[in-house]
Protein backbone atom coordinates (compact mmCIF):
# COMPACT_ATOMS: atom_id res chain seq x y z
CA MET A 1 0.00 0.00 0.00
CA ARG A 2 1.26 3.44 -0.89
CA GLU A 3 2.33 5.52 2.10
CA LEU A 4 0.01 8.45 2.83
CA LEU A 5 1.95 11.64 3.52
CA ILE A 6 0.26 14.61 5.11
CA PRO A 7 1.59 18.14 5.68
CA ILE A 8 3.00 18.57 9.19
CA TRP A 9 5.84 21.12 9.12
CA ASP A 10 4.98 24.43 7.51
CA LEU A 11 7.52 26.39 5.47
CA PRO A 12 8.43 28.84 8.29
CA VAL A 13 9.31 25.95 10.63
CA ARG A 14 11.42 24.26 7.96
CA LEU A 15 13.24 27.45 6.99
CA PHE A 16 13.84 28.19 10.66
CA HIS A 17 15.29 24.73 11.26
CA TRP A 18 17.73 24.62 8.35
CA THR A 19 18.79 28.27 8.53
CA LEU A 20 19.43 27.88 12.25
CA LEU A 21 21.57 24.81 11.59
CA VAL A 22 23.76 26.75 9.14
CA LEU A 23 24.05 29.80 11.39
CA VAL A 24 24.94 27.84 14.53
CA GLY A 25 27.63 25.98 12.60
CA PHE A 26 28.98 29.24 11.21
CA SER A 27 28.89 30.92 14.62
CA TRP A 28 30.90 28.05 16.09
CA TRP A 29 33.47 28.23 13.31
CA SER A 30 33.79 32.02 13.26
CA GLY A 31 34.04 32.15 17.05
CA GLU A 32 36.93 29.68 16.93
CA GLN A 33 38.71 31.75 14.28
CA GLY A 34 38.50 34.92 16.36
CA GLU A 35 40.08 38.21 15.29
CA LEU A 36 38.37 39.73 12.23
CA TRP A 37 35.96 36.80 11.97
CA LEU A 38 34.30 37.93 15.19
CA LYS A 39 32.55 40.66 13.23
CA TYR A 40 30.69 37.99 11.30
CA HIS A 41 30.27 35.96 14.48
CA PHE A 42 28.28 38.86 15.95
CA TRP A 43 26.16 39.23 12.83
CA SER A 44 25.42 35.53 12.84
CA GLY A 45 24.38 35.85 16.48
CA TYR A 46 21.96 38.67 15.62
CA ALA A 47 20.42 36.47 12.94
CA ILE A 48 20.08 33.56 15.37
CA LEU A 49 18.42 35.81 17.95
CA THR A 50 15.95 36.95 15.29
CA LEU A 51 15.16 33.36 14.33
CA VAL A 52 14.72 32.22 17.93
CA LEU A 53 12.39 35.10 18.82
CA PHE A 54 10.41 34.44 15.65
CA ARG A 55 10.09 30.74 16.52
CA VAL A 56 8.89 31.55 20.04
CA ILE A 57 6.14 33.78 18.66
CA TRP A 58 5.35 31.23 15.95
CA GLY A 59 4.91 28.69 18.72
CA PHE A 60 1.78 30.58 19.76
CA CYS A 61 0.28 31.71 16.44
CA GLY A 62 1.76 29.42 13.79
CA SER A 63 0.33 26.32 12.13
CA HIS A 64 -1.11 23.54 14.29
CA TYR A 65 2.02 21.39 14.64
CA ALA A 66 4.27 24.43 15.15
CA ARG A 67 2.46 25.48 18.33
CA PHE A 68 3.82 24.73 21.78
CA ALA A 69 0.37 23.73 22.97
CA GLN A 70 0.41 20.87 20.47
CA PHE A 71 3.61 19.20 21.66
CA LEU A 72 4.41 20.27 25.23
CA ARG A 73 3.03 17.72 27.67
CA GLY A 74 3.21 16.91 31.38
CA PRO A 75 5.64 14.50 33.15
CA GLY A 76 3.35 11.47 32.92
CA THR A 77 2.94 11.79 29.17
CA VAL A 78 6.68 12.38 28.74
CA LEU A 79 7.52 9.18 30.68
CA GLY A 80 5.05 7.26 28.56
CA SER A 81 6.69 8.72 25.47
CA LEU A 82 10.09 7.51 26.73
CA ARG A 83 8.79 3.94 27.00
CA GLU A 84 7.31 4.26 23.53
CA LEU A 85 10.62 5.59 22.21
CA LEU A 86 12.50 2.48 23.37
CA GLY A 87 10.14 0.15 21.51
CA PRO A 88 10.36 -0.77 17.82
CA GLN A 89 7.07 0.80 16.75
CA ALA A 90 6.80 4.26 15.21
CA MET A 91 5.83 7.03 17.61
CA ARG A 92 2.14 7.91 17.61
CA SER A 93 2.79 11.67 17.57
CA LEU A 94 2.61 13.18 14.10
CA GLY A 95 4.38 16.37 15.18
CA HIS A 96 7.01 16.52 17.90
CA ASN A 97 6.56 13.70 20.39
CA PRO A 98 6.47 14.79 24.07
CA LEU A 99 10.20 14.16 24.53
CA GLY A 100 11.07 15.98 21.33
CA GLY A 101 8.79 18.83 22.30
CA TRP A 102 10.74 19.53 25.47
CA MET A 103 13.98 19.24 23.51
CA VAL A 104 12.71 22.00 21.21
CA LEU A 105 11.98 24.20 24.22
CA ALA A 106 15.39 23.45 25.76
CA LEU A 107 17.19 24.31 22.52
CA LEU A 108 15.28 27.57 22.15
CA ALA A 109 16.03 28.53 25.77
CA VAL A 110 19.74 27.77 25.44
CA LEU A 111 19.98 29.62 22.13
CA LEU A 112 18.24 32.60 23.68
CA VAL A 113 20.74 32.64 26.56
CA GLN A 114 23.59 32.26 24.07
CA THR A 115 22.56 35.17 21.89
CA LEU A 116 21.59 37.51 24.72
CA THR A 117 24.85 36.98 26.62
CA GLY A 118 26.71 37.61 23.38
CA LEU A 119 25.24 41.09 23.21
CA PHE A 120 27.23 42.02 26.34
CA ALA A 121 30.37 39.94 25.69
CA ASN A 122 33.92 41.10 24.99
CA ASP A 123 37.17 39.45 23.92
CA ASP A 124 39.50 41.76 25.93
CA ILE A 125 41.20 42.78 22.68
CA MET A 126 39.13 44.59 20.07
CA TRP A 127 35.58 43.22 19.97
CA GLU A 128 32.67 44.08 22.23
CA GLY A 129 28.98 43.21 22.01
CA PRO A 130 26.61 46.04 21.03
CA LEU A 131 25.30 46.35 24.60
CA TYR A 132 28.72 46.14 26.27
CA ALA A 133 28.65 49.84 27.24
CA HIS A 134 25.43 49.34 29.22
CA VAL A 135 27.04 47.07 31.85
CA SER A 136 30.21 47.09 33.92
CA LYS A 137 33.38 45.39 32.69
CA ASP A 138 33.07 42.83 35.49
CA LEU A 139 29.53 41.91 34.48
CA SER A 140 30.54 41.75 30.83
CA ASP A 141 33.35 39.34 31.72
CA ARG A 142 30.90 37.17 33.66
CA LEU A 143 28.46 37.12 30.77
CA THR A 144 31.32 36.32 28.38
CA GLY A 145 32.19 33.33 30.54
CA LEU A 146 28.55 32.24 30.61
CA HIS A 147 28.47 32.62 26.83
CA GLY A 148 31.26 30.05 26.55
CA LEU A 149 29.83 27.61 29.11
CA ASN A 150 26.35 27.83 27.64
CA PHE A 151 27.72 26.92 24.23
CA ASP A 152 28.94 23.62 25.69
CA VAL A 153 25.38 22.97 26.88
CA LEU A 154 24.14 23.79 23.39
CA LEU A 155 26.58 21.33 21.82
CA ALA A 156 25.40 18.61 24.23
CA LEU A 157 21.76 19.24 23.32
CA VAL A 158 22.59 19.19 19.61
CA ALA A 159 24.42 15.88 20.07
CA VAL A 160 21.39 14.35 21.82
CA HIS A 161 19.14 15.72 19.08
CA VAL A 162 21.27 14.15 16.34
CA LEU A 163 21.43 10.82 18.19
CA ALA A 164 17.65 10.84 18.59
CA ILE A 165 17.22 11.39 14.85
CA GLY A 166 19.54 8.46 14.20
CA TRP A 167 17.63 6.30 16.69
CA HIS A 168 14.31 7.06 15.02
CA ARG A 169 15.75 6.15 11.63
CA TRP A 170 17.52 2.94 12.74
CA ARG A 171 15.12 1.62 15.38
CA LYS A 172 11.78 2.89 14.17
CA GLY A 173 12.24 3.49 10.45
CA GLU A 174 11.11 7.11 10.76
CA ARG A 175 12.72 9.55 8.32
CA LEU A 176 12.64 12.71 10.39
CA VAL A 177 15.17 14.53 8.22
CA ARG A 178 13.09 13.93 5.11
CA ALA A 179 10.01 15.19 6.93
CA MET A 180 11.79 18.42 7.86
CA VAL A 181 12.76 18.89 4.21
CA THR A 182 9.41 18.08 2.58
CA GLY A 183 7.16 19.10 5.47
CA ARG A 184 5.24 15.81 5.17
CA LYS A 185 5.09 12.70 7.33
CA PRO A 186 3.35 9.34 6.90
CA ALA A 187 0.04 9.02 8.74
CA PRO A 188 -2.98 6.70 8.93
CA SER A 189 -5.51 7.28 6.16
CA THR A 190 -8.06 8.37 8.76
CA THR A 191 -5.93 11.28 9.89
CA GLY A 192 -7.14 14.69 8.79
CA GLN A 193 -4.83 16.97 6.87
CA SER A 194 -3.12 19.75 8.77
CA ALA A 195 -3.91 23.25 7.52
CA PHE A 196 -1.04 25.74 7.34
CA VAL A 197 -1.63 29.35 8.26
CA SER A 198 -0.87 32.13 5.81
CA LEU A 199 2.76 32.83 4.98
CA TRP A 200 1.89 36.51 5.18
CA ARG A 201 1.50 36.09 8.94
CA ALA A 202 4.97 34.58 9.18
CA GLY A 203 6.43 37.35 7.03
CA VAL A 204 4.92 40.13 9.11
CA ILE A 205 6.04 38.53 12.38
CA PHE A 206 9.56 37.98 11.08
CA LEU A 207 9.81 41.57 9.86
CA ILE A 208 8.67 42.94 13.23
CA VAL A 209 11.14 40.73 15.10
CA ALA A 210 14.00 41.65 12.75
CA LEU A 211 13.30 45.36 13.25
CA ALA A 212 13.14 44.86 17.02
CA VAL A 213 16.52 43.09 17.06
CA ALA A 214 18.01 45.78 14.82
CA GLY A 215 16.78 48.40 17.26
CA LEU A 216 18.13 46.46 20.23
CA ILE A 217 21.68 46.24 18.91
CA ARG A 218 21.67 49.97 18.23
CA LEU A 219 20.78 50.98 21.79
């Protein structure tokens, strides 16, 4: 029987996911290079902050499976999801399963901390975050240290995320990467199709967030 694929991930979620992947990788690389590359490291950070703030807002007014209310569940449901994850059967959740939902929230929170601390950071040589002048040197140094430590937490979460994707592919036969590219996932024939909200809404929200971030870094 031919597999029925229904739309799950809207275009804004998919663009957010893949653009964020590229920017985080570039931020890591440019941060390691230091010196003149830190200019682009800062710009990448501004872009990540814009994406994260957009995704948070989209989690309240985006398409059905993009909303936090659809995939954030209580402890009992999460534990049940863990038992389901260890079995060979595909997960029943069409969108993020309860475990994956909390991983999304954790990643967004860590990325938010990473980008906000970067606004106040300094390298003790020539580069300072755009809000460096609004805090003391001691506080800036502390936030710079937190910026580095928090990145280690981010790397750990990314590693768990990648391992989970591999587990779903090997153990359960679920192609999560393909779904995040096409926006579609297999579902029972009785499942209703998910309606996507207008892309105009996403465009307006993104523009407002981008302008807000631009204003923030010019304070």
